[in-house]
Amino acid sequence: MLFQHIYNSDGRTFGWALLVFDGRQRNALPDLRRAVDEVGGWGLVRPRLVLGAAVAEVADTLALSDLDGEAHAAYEVG
């Protein structure tokens, strides 16, 4: 399921998807947003928040929910 959100999600056929995991830490979201903002202007990098505990806001259009923890487990993120 994660693959459909990162592979060519914006119609481009090049570049990288940067997965930014919260590590199932609710308080990690402000730091993650700053990190995403830092790379947001890079043309070849498309950041995606992967949230297992933190709750995204409506403005977080790049956020993916991982409430079951499968993506965190697949990438071995604690």
C-alpha atoms as a PDB file:
ATOM      1  CA  MET A   1       0.000   0.000   0.000  1.00  0.00           C
ATOM      2  CA  LEU A   2       2.856   2.425   0.756  1.00  0.00           C
ATOM      3  CA  PHE A   3       4.299   1.937  -2.715  1.00  0.00           C
ATOM      4  CA  GLN A   4       1.339   3.598  -4.456  1.00  0.00           C
ATOM      5  CA  HIS A   5       1.971   6.789  -2.475  1.00  0.00           C
ATOM      6  CA  ILE A   6       5.675   7.075  -3.228  1.00  0.00           C
ATOM      7  CA  TYR A   7       6.153   5.691  -6.723  1.00  0.00           C
ATOM      8  CA  ASN A   8       5.612   8.392  -9.339  1.00  0.00           C
ATOM      9  CA  SER A   9       2.968   9.934  -7.113  1.00  0.00           C
ATOM     10  CA  ASP A  10       3.157  13.318  -8.811  1.00  0.00           C
ATOM     11  CA  GLY A  11       3.384  12.089 -12.398  1.00  0.00           C
ATOM     12  CA  ARG A  12       7.154  12.508 -12.700  1.00  0.00           C
ATOM     13  CA  THR A  13       9.272   9.524 -13.629  1.00  0.00           C
ATOM     14  CA  PHE A  14      12.426  10.616 -11.828  1.00  0.00           C
ATOM     15  CA  GLY A  15      13.525  11.652  -8.364  1.00  0.00           C
ATOM     16  CA  TRP A  16      13.448  10.208  -4.885  1.00  0.00           C
ATOM     17  CA  ALA A  17      10.750   9.734  -2.288  1.00  0.00           C
ATOM     18  CA  LEU A  18      12.130  10.535   1.159  1.00  0.00           C
ATOM     19  CA  LEU A  19      10.214   8.664   3.846  1.00  0.00           C
ATOM     20  CA  VAL A  20      10.274  10.583   7.132  1.00  0.00           C
ATOM     21  CA  PHE A  21       9.135   8.277   9.942  1.00  0.00           C
ATOM     22  CA  ASP A  22       7.910   9.484  13.333  1.00  0.00           C
ATOM     23  CA  GLY A  23       9.274   6.372  15.064  1.00  0.00           C
ATOM     24  CA  ARG A  24       5.885   6.070  16.769  1.00  0.00           C
ATOM     25  CA  GLN A  25       6.663   9.184  18.807  1.00  0.00           C
ATOM     26  CA  ARG A  26       3.742  11.619  19.123  1.00  0.00           C
ATOM     27  CA  ASN A  27       6.038  14.549  19.915  1.00  0.00           C
ATOM     28  CA  ALA A  28       8.220  14.054  16.806  1.00  0.00           C
ATOM     29  CA  LEU A  29       5.949  15.888  14.368  1.00  0.00           C
ATOM     30  CA  PRO A  30       7.329  19.455  14.778  1.00  0.00           C
ATOM     31  CA  ASP A  31      10.882  18.241  14.080  1.00  0.00           C
ATOM     32  CA  LEU A  32       9.695  16.151  11.142  1.00  0.00           C
ATOM     33  CA  ARG A  33       7.878  19.118   9.612  1.00  0.00           C
ATOM     34  CA  ARG A  34      11.054  21.205   9.850  1.00  0.00           C
ATOM     35  CA  ALA A  35      13.026  18.440   8.128  1.00  0.00           C
ATOM     36  CA  VAL A  36      10.420  18.167   5.365  1.00  0.00           C
ATOM     37  CA  ASP A  37      10.467  21.954   4.903  1.00  0.00           C
ATOM     38  CA  GLU A  38      14.258  21.845   4.508  1.00  0.00           C
ATOM     39  CA  VAL A  39      14.120  19.455   1.559  1.00  0.00           C
ATOM     40  CA  GLY A  40      10.768  20.612   0.198  1.00  0.00           C
ATOM     41  CA  GLY A  41      12.395  22.873  -2.369  1.00  0.00           C
ATOM     42  CA  TRP A  42      14.693  20.222  -3.748  1.00  0.00           C
ATOM     43  CA  GLY A  43      13.301  19.273  -7.128  1.00  0.00           C
ATOM     44  CA  LEU A  44      14.332  15.633  -7.094  1.00  0.00           C
ATOM     45  CA  VAL A  45      13.288  14.839  -3.513  1.00  0.00           C
ATOM     46  CA  ARG A  46       9.644  14.297  -2.584  1.00  0.00           C
ATOM     47  CA  PRO A  47       9.312  13.948   1.205  1.00  0.00           C
ATOM     48  CA  ARG A  48       6.483  11.913   2.774  1.00  0.00           C
ATOM     49  CA  LEU A  49       5.699  11.824   6.489  1.00  0.00           C
ATOM     50  CA  VAL A  50       4.998   8.288   7.700  1.00  0.00           C
ATOM     51  CA  LEU A  51       3.124   8.611  10.986  1.00  0.00           C
ATOM     52  CA  GLY A  52       2.609   5.748  13.391  1.00  0.00           C
ATOM     53  CA  ALA A  53       1.691   7.783  16.481  1.00  0.00           C
ATOM     54  CA  ALA A  54       1.728  11.461  15.566  1.00  0.00           C
ATOM     55  CA  VAL A  55      -1.510  12.880  14.204  1.00  0.00           C
ATOM     56  CA  ALA A  56      -1.306  14.814  10.965  1.00  0.00           C
ATOM     57  CA  GLU A  57      -3.112  18.076  10.441  1.00  0.00           C
ATOM     58  CA  VAL A  58      -5.253  18.828   7.406  1.00  0.00           C
ATOM     59  CA  ALA A  59      -2.382  20.887   5.987  1.00  0.00           C
ATOM     60  CA  ASP A  60      -0.054  17.857   6.093  1.00  0.00           C
ATOM     61  CA  THR A  61      -0.856  16.698   2.568  1.00  0.00           C
ATOM     62  CA  LEU A  62       2.364  14.697   2.458  1.00  0.00           C
ATOM     63  CA  ALA A  63       1.461  12.620   5.516  1.00  0.00           C
ATOM     64  CA  LEU A  64       0.753   8.901   5.349  1.00  0.00           C
ATOM     65  CA  SER A  65      -0.819   7.019   8.244  1.00  0.00           C
ATOM     66  CA  ASP A  66       0.899   3.905   9.583  1.00  0.00           C
ATOM     67  CA  LEU A  67      -1.323   3.164  12.575  1.00  0.00           C
ATOM     68  CA  ASP A  68      -0.837  -0.592  12.223  1.00  0.00           C
ATOM     69  CA  GLY A  69       2.958  -0.116  12.235  1.00  0.00           C
ATOM     70  CA  GLU A  70       3.573  -2.184   9.092  1.00  0.00           C
ATOM     71  CA  ALA A  71       5.662   0.446   7.306  1.00  0.00           C
ATOM     72  CA  HIS A  72       7.713   1.120  10.450  1.00  0.00           C
ATOM     73  CA  ALA A  73       8.322  -2.614  10.819  1.00  0.00           C
ATOM     74  CA  ALA A  74       9.150  -3.105   7.135  1.00  0.00           C
ATOM     75  CA  TYR A  75      11.819  -0.400   7.299  1.00  0.00           C
ATOM     76  CA  GLU A  76      12.902  -1.459  10.800  1.00  0.00           C
ATOM     77  CA  VAL A  77      12.100   1.929  12.312  1.00  0.00           C
ATOM     78  CA  GLY A  78      11.586   1.719  16.070  1.00  0.00           C
END
